[in-house]
Amino acid sequence: MDRSRGYSLTQHPDPELYCLGHLVEEFDFHAGAKGIDEKGHGEVEDVTRRMVRLEVPAWREPVTATLIPYFAWANRGENEMTVWLRG
């Protein structure tokens, strides 16, 4: 666990491990795999102000993220992964 960034593990009753991938329009699940939708709050940054200020204000808003089974990771090619989600 990366405690310096405040990441934490979210447990789910399903015995499979899920991960969060980058945004895609549709995900092709293989071998009967299923995704789960988790609701929470995401931190939003206004990146247009970065050139004017060093600190960028952020705010929280409701988001829904689709988590995919760990074994199906990188089905669209090689990619980086962060297993821990910031809580």
N, C-alpha and C. Protein backbone atom coordinates (compact mmCIF):
# COMPACT_ATOMS: atom_id res chain seq x y z
N MET A 1 0.84 -1.18 0.00
CA MET A 1 0.00 0.00 0.00
C MET A 1 0.89 1.24 0.00
N ASP A 2 0.50 2.21 -0.79
CA ASP A 2 1.25 3.46 -0.87
C ASP A 2 0.60 4.45 0.10
N ARG A 3 1.04 4.43 1.34
CA ARG A 3 0.41 5.28 2.36
C ARG A 3 0.66 6.75 2.14
N SER A 4 1.74 7.09 1.46
CA SER A 4 2.05 8.50 1.26
C SER A 4 1.02 9.17 0.35
N ARG A 5 0.34 8.40 -0.47
CA ARG A 5 -0.68 8.96 -1.36
C ARG A 5 -2.09 8.72 -0.86
N GLY A 6 -2.24 8.01 0.24
CA GLY A 6 -3.56 7.78 0.80
C GLY A 6 -4.37 6.74 0.07
N TYR A 7 -3.73 5.81 -0.62
CA TYR A 7 -4.48 4.77 -1.33
C TYR A 7 -4.97 3.72 -0.35
N SER A 8 -6.10 3.11 -0.67
CA SER A 8 -6.63 2.07 0.18
C SER A 8 -7.30 1.01 -0.69
N LEU A 9 -7.46 -0.18 -0.15
CA LEU A 9 -8.08 -1.28 -0.86
C LEU A 9 -9.55 -1.32 -0.53
N THR A 10 -10.38 -1.48 -1.53
CA THR A 10 -11.81 -1.62 -1.33
C THR A 10 -12.16 -3.08 -1.45
N GLN A 11 -12.79 -3.64 -0.43
CA GLN A 11 -13.19 -5.04 -0.49
C GLN A 11 -14.56 -5.15 -1.11
N HIS A 12 -14.77 -6.22 -1.85
CA HIS A 12 -16.05 -6.48 -2.49
C HIS A 12 -16.41 -7.92 -2.18
N PRO A 13 -17.68 -8.24 -2.02
CA PRO A 13 -18.06 -9.60 -1.66
C PRO A 13 -17.68 -10.64 -2.72
N ASP A 14 -17.47 -10.23 -3.95
CA ASP A 14 -17.09 -11.14 -5.02
C ASP A 14 -15.67 -11.64 -4.76
N PRO A 15 -15.38 -12.93 -4.97
CA PRO A 15 -14.03 -13.44 -4.70
C PRO A 15 -12.96 -12.99 -5.70
N GLU A 16 -13.35 -12.38 -6.80
CA GLU A 16 -12.38 -11.92 -7.79
C GLU A 16 -11.82 -10.56 -7.41
N LEU A 17 -10.60 -10.27 -7.85
CA LEU A 17 -9.98 -8.96 -7.65
C LEU A 17 -10.30 -8.11 -8.86
N TYR A 18 -10.72 -6.87 -8.64
CA TYR A 18 -11.08 -5.97 -9.72
C TYR A 18 -10.10 -4.80 -9.79
N CYS A 19 -9.95 -4.23 -10.97
CA CYS A 19 -9.07 -3.08 -11.14
C CYS A 19 -9.78 -2.04 -12.00
N LEU A 20 -9.28 -0.83 -11.92
CA LEU A 20 -9.86 0.29 -12.65
C LEU A 20 -8.98 0.60 -13.84
N GLY A 21 -9.56 0.54 -15.03
CA GLY A 21 -8.80 0.82 -16.25
C GLY A 21 -9.06 2.23 -16.74
N HIS A 22 -8.40 2.59 -17.83
CA HIS A 22 -8.65 3.92 -18.39
C HIS A 22 -9.99 3.91 -19.12
N LEU A 23 -10.52 5.07 -19.38
CA LEU A 23 -11.84 5.22 -19.96
C LEU A 23 -11.92 4.61 -21.35
N VAL A 24 -12.93 3.77 -21.56
CA VAL A 24 -13.20 3.20 -22.88
C VAL A 24 -14.71 3.24 -23.09
N GLU A 25 -15.12 3.28 -24.36
CA GLU A 25 -16.55 3.30 -24.66
C GLU A 25 -17.20 1.96 -24.29
N GLU A 26 -16.56 0.86 -24.69
CA GLU A 26 -17.09 -0.47 -24.38
C GLU A 26 -15.93 -1.36 -23.97
N PHE A 27 -16.19 -2.26 -23.05
CA PHE A 27 -15.16 -3.20 -22.61
C PHE A 27 -15.57 -4.58 -23.07
N ASP A 28 -14.67 -5.31 -23.71
CA ASP A 28 -14.94 -6.66 -24.20
C ASP A 28 -14.57 -7.66 -23.11
N PHE A 29 -15.56 -8.16 -22.40
CA PHE A 29 -15.31 -9.13 -21.35
C PHE A 29 -15.11 -10.51 -21.97
N HIS A 30 -14.09 -11.22 -21.51
CA HIS A 30 -13.77 -12.55 -22.01
C HIS A 30 -14.19 -13.61 -21.00
N ALA A 31 -14.46 -14.80 -21.49
CA ALA A 31 -14.71 -15.98 -20.65
C ALA A 31 -15.79 -15.75 -19.59
N GLY A 32 -16.83 -15.04 -19.96
CA GLY A 32 -17.93 -14.83 -19.03
C GLY A 32 -17.62 -13.89 -17.89
N ALA A 33 -16.56 -13.13 -18.00
CA ALA A 33 -16.20 -12.18 -16.93
C ALA A 33 -17.24 -11.07 -16.87
N LYS A 34 -17.41 -10.51 -15.70
CA LYS A 34 -18.35 -9.41 -15.54
C LYS A 34 -17.66 -8.25 -14.84
N GLY A 35 -18.10 -7.06 -15.12
CA GLY A 35 -17.58 -5.88 -14.44
C GLY A 35 -18.53 -5.49 -13.33
N ILE A 36 -18.09 -4.62 -12.46
CA ILE A 36 -18.96 -4.10 -11.41
C ILE A 36 -18.90 -2.58 -11.47
N ASP A 37 -20.00 -1.96 -11.19
CA ASP A 37 -20.06 -0.50 -11.14
C ASP A 37 -20.03 -0.07 -9.69
N GLU A 38 -19.08 0.77 -9.36
CA GLU A 38 -18.94 1.28 -8.00
C GLU A 38 -19.19 2.78 -8.02
N LYS A 39 -20.02 3.26 -7.10
CA LYS A 39 -20.30 4.69 -7.02
C LYS A 39 -19.46 5.29 -5.90
N GLY A 40 -19.02 6.50 -6.12
CA GLY A 40 -18.21 7.18 -5.12
C GLY A 40 -18.07 8.63 -5.51
N HIS A 41 -17.04 9.27 -5.01
CA HIS A 41 -16.77 10.66 -5.34
C HIS A 41 -15.40 10.75 -5.98
N GLY A 42 -15.32 11.46 -7.08
CA GLY A 42 -14.05 11.65 -7.76
C GLY A 42 -13.55 13.06 -7.54
N GLU A 43 -12.24 13.22 -7.56
CA GLU A 43 -11.66 14.54 -7.41
C GLU A 43 -11.44 15.12 -8.79
N VAL A 44 -11.97 16.30 -9.02
CA VAL A 44 -11.91 16.93 -10.33
C VAL A 44 -10.97 18.12 -10.26
N GLU A 45 -10.13 18.25 -11.27
CA GLU A 45 -9.16 19.33 -11.30
C GLU A 45 -9.41 20.21 -12.51
N ASP A 46 -9.36 21.51 -12.33
CA ASP A 46 -9.47 22.44 -13.45
C ASP A 46 -8.06 22.70 -13.97
N VAL A 47 -7.65 21.94 -14.99
CA VAL A 47 -6.28 22.03 -15.49
C VAL A 47 -6.04 23.28 -16.33
N THR A 48 -7.08 24.00 -16.67
CA THR A 48 -6.88 25.22 -17.47
C THR A 48 -6.18 26.31 -16.66
N ARG A 49 -6.18 26.19 -15.33
CA ARG A 49 -5.55 27.21 -14.49
C ARG A 49 -4.09 26.91 -14.18
N ARG A 50 -3.56 25.82 -14.64
CA ARG A 50 -2.19 25.43 -14.28
C ARG A 50 -1.16 26.45 -14.74
N MET A 51 -1.39 27.14 -15.81
CA MET A 51 -0.40 28.09 -16.31
C MET A 51 -0.39 29.37 -15.48
N VAL A 52 -1.45 29.62 -14.74
CA VAL A 52 -1.57 30.84 -13.97
C VAL A 52 -1.17 30.63 -12.51
N ARG A 53 -1.54 29.47 -11.95
CA ARG A 53 -1.29 29.19 -10.54
C ARG A 53 -0.55 27.88 -10.37
N LEU A 54 0.23 27.78 -9.31
CA LEU A 54 0.91 26.52 -9.02
C LEU A 54 -0.04 25.51 -8.38
N GLU A 55 -0.94 25.98 -7.54
CA GLU A 55 -1.91 25.10 -6.91
C GLU A 55 -3.21 25.16 -7.69
N VAL A 56 -3.74 24.00 -7.98
CA VAL A 56 -4.99 23.93 -8.74
C VAL A 56 -6.10 23.50 -7.80
N PRO A 57 -7.17 24.29 -7.68
CA PRO A 57 -8.26 23.89 -6.80
C PRO A 57 -8.96 22.65 -7.36
N ALA A 58 -9.38 21.78 -6.48
CA ALA A 58 -10.10 20.58 -6.88
C ALA A 58 -11.39 20.52 -6.09
N TRP A 59 -12.36 19.82 -6.61
CA TRP A 59 -13.62 19.63 -5.91
C TRP A 59 -14.06 18.19 -6.10
N ARG A 60 -14.96 17.75 -5.27
CA ARG A 60 -15.44 16.37 -5.35
C ARG A 60 -16.83 16.36 -5.94
N GLU A 61 -17.09 15.34 -6.77
CA GLU A 61 -18.41 15.17 -7.34
C GLU A 61 -18.69 13.68 -7.51
N PRO A 62 -19.97 13.30 -7.53
CA PRO A 62 -20.32 11.88 -7.67
C PRO A 62 -19.85 11.33 -9.01
N VAL A 63 -19.30 10.12 -8.99
CA VAL A 63 -18.86 9.44 -10.20
C VAL A 63 -19.23 7.96 -10.09
N THR A 64 -19.34 7.29 -11.21
CA THR A 64 -19.51 5.85 -11.26
C THR A 64 -18.36 5.30 -12.10
N ALA A 65 -17.62 4.35 -11.56
CA ALA A 65 -16.49 3.76 -12.26
C ALA A 65 -16.76 2.27 -12.46
N THR A 66 -16.47 1.76 -13.65
CA THR A 66 -16.61 0.34 -13.91
C THR A 66 -15.27 -0.33 -13.65
N LEU A 67 -15.26 -1.26 -12.71
CA LEU A 67 -14.05 -2.01 -12.38
C LEU A 67 -14.08 -3.33 -13.15
N ILE A 68 -12.94 -3.73 -13.71
CA ILE A 68 -12.88 -4.95 -14.51
C ILE A 68 -12.10 -6.02 -13.74
N PRO A 69 -12.37 -7.30 -14.02
CA PRO A 69 -11.63 -8.36 -13.34
C PRO A 69 -10.13 -8.25 -13.62
N TYR A 70 -9.33 -8.49 -12.60
CA TYR A 70 -7.88 -8.36 -12.71
C TYR A 70 -7.31 -9.21 -13.84
N PHE A 71 -7.84 -10.44 -14.01
CA PHE A 71 -7.28 -11.33 -15.03
C PHE A 71 -7.52 -10.82 -16.44
N ALA A 72 -8.46 -9.90 -16.62
CA ALA A 72 -8.76 -9.36 -17.95
C ALA A 72 -7.98 -8.08 -18.23
N TRP A 73 -7.08 -7.69 -17.32
CA TRP A 73 -6.30 -6.46 -17.50
C TRP A 73 -5.44 -6.58 -18.75
N ALA A 74 -5.24 -5.48 -19.43
CA ALA A 74 -4.38 -5.37 -20.61
C ALA A 74 -4.93 -6.15 -21.80
N ASN A 75 -6.23 -6.37 -21.84
CA ASN A 75 -6.80 -7.05 -23.01
C ASN A 75 -6.79 -6.15 -24.23
N ARG A 76 -6.51 -4.86 -24.04
CA ARG A 76 -6.43 -3.91 -25.16
C ARG A 76 -4.98 -3.54 -25.44
N GLY A 77 -4.05 -4.30 -24.91
CA GLY A 77 -2.63 -4.01 -25.11
C GLY A 77 -1.96 -3.67 -23.80
N GLU A 78 -0.66 -3.47 -23.84
CA GLU A 78 0.12 -3.19 -22.64
C GLU A 78 -0.28 -1.84 -22.04
N ASN A 79 -0.39 -1.78 -20.72
CA ASN A 79 -0.82 -0.57 -20.06
C ASN A 79 -0.35 -0.59 -18.61
N GLU A 80 -0.29 0.57 -17.96
CA GLU A 80 0.09 0.65 -16.55
C GLU A 80 -1.13 0.39 -15.68
N MET A 81 -0.88 -0.02 -14.43
CA MET A 81 -1.98 -0.31 -13.52
C MET A 81 -1.68 0.24 -12.13
N THR A 82 -2.69 0.81 -11.51
CA THR A 82 -2.66 1.14 -10.10
C THR A 82 -3.74 0.31 -9.44
N VAL A 83 -3.35 -0.60 -8.57
CA VAL A 83 -4.33 -1.48 -7.94
C VAL A 83 -5.08 -0.74 -6.84
N TRP A 84 -4.42 0.19 -6.17
CA TRP A 84 -5.02 0.90 -5.05
C TRP A 84 -5.78 2.12 -5.57
N LEU A 85 -6.96 2.31 -5.06
CA LEU A 85 -7.76 3.49 -5.39
C LEU A 85 -7.68 4.45 -4.23
N ARG A 86 -7.50 5.71 -4.53
CA ARG A 86 -7.41 6.71 -3.47
C ARG A 86 -8.78 6.87 -2.82
N GLY A 87 -8.83 6.78 -1.49
CA GLY A 87 -10.10 6.84 -0.78
C GLY A 87 -10.45 8.21 -0.31
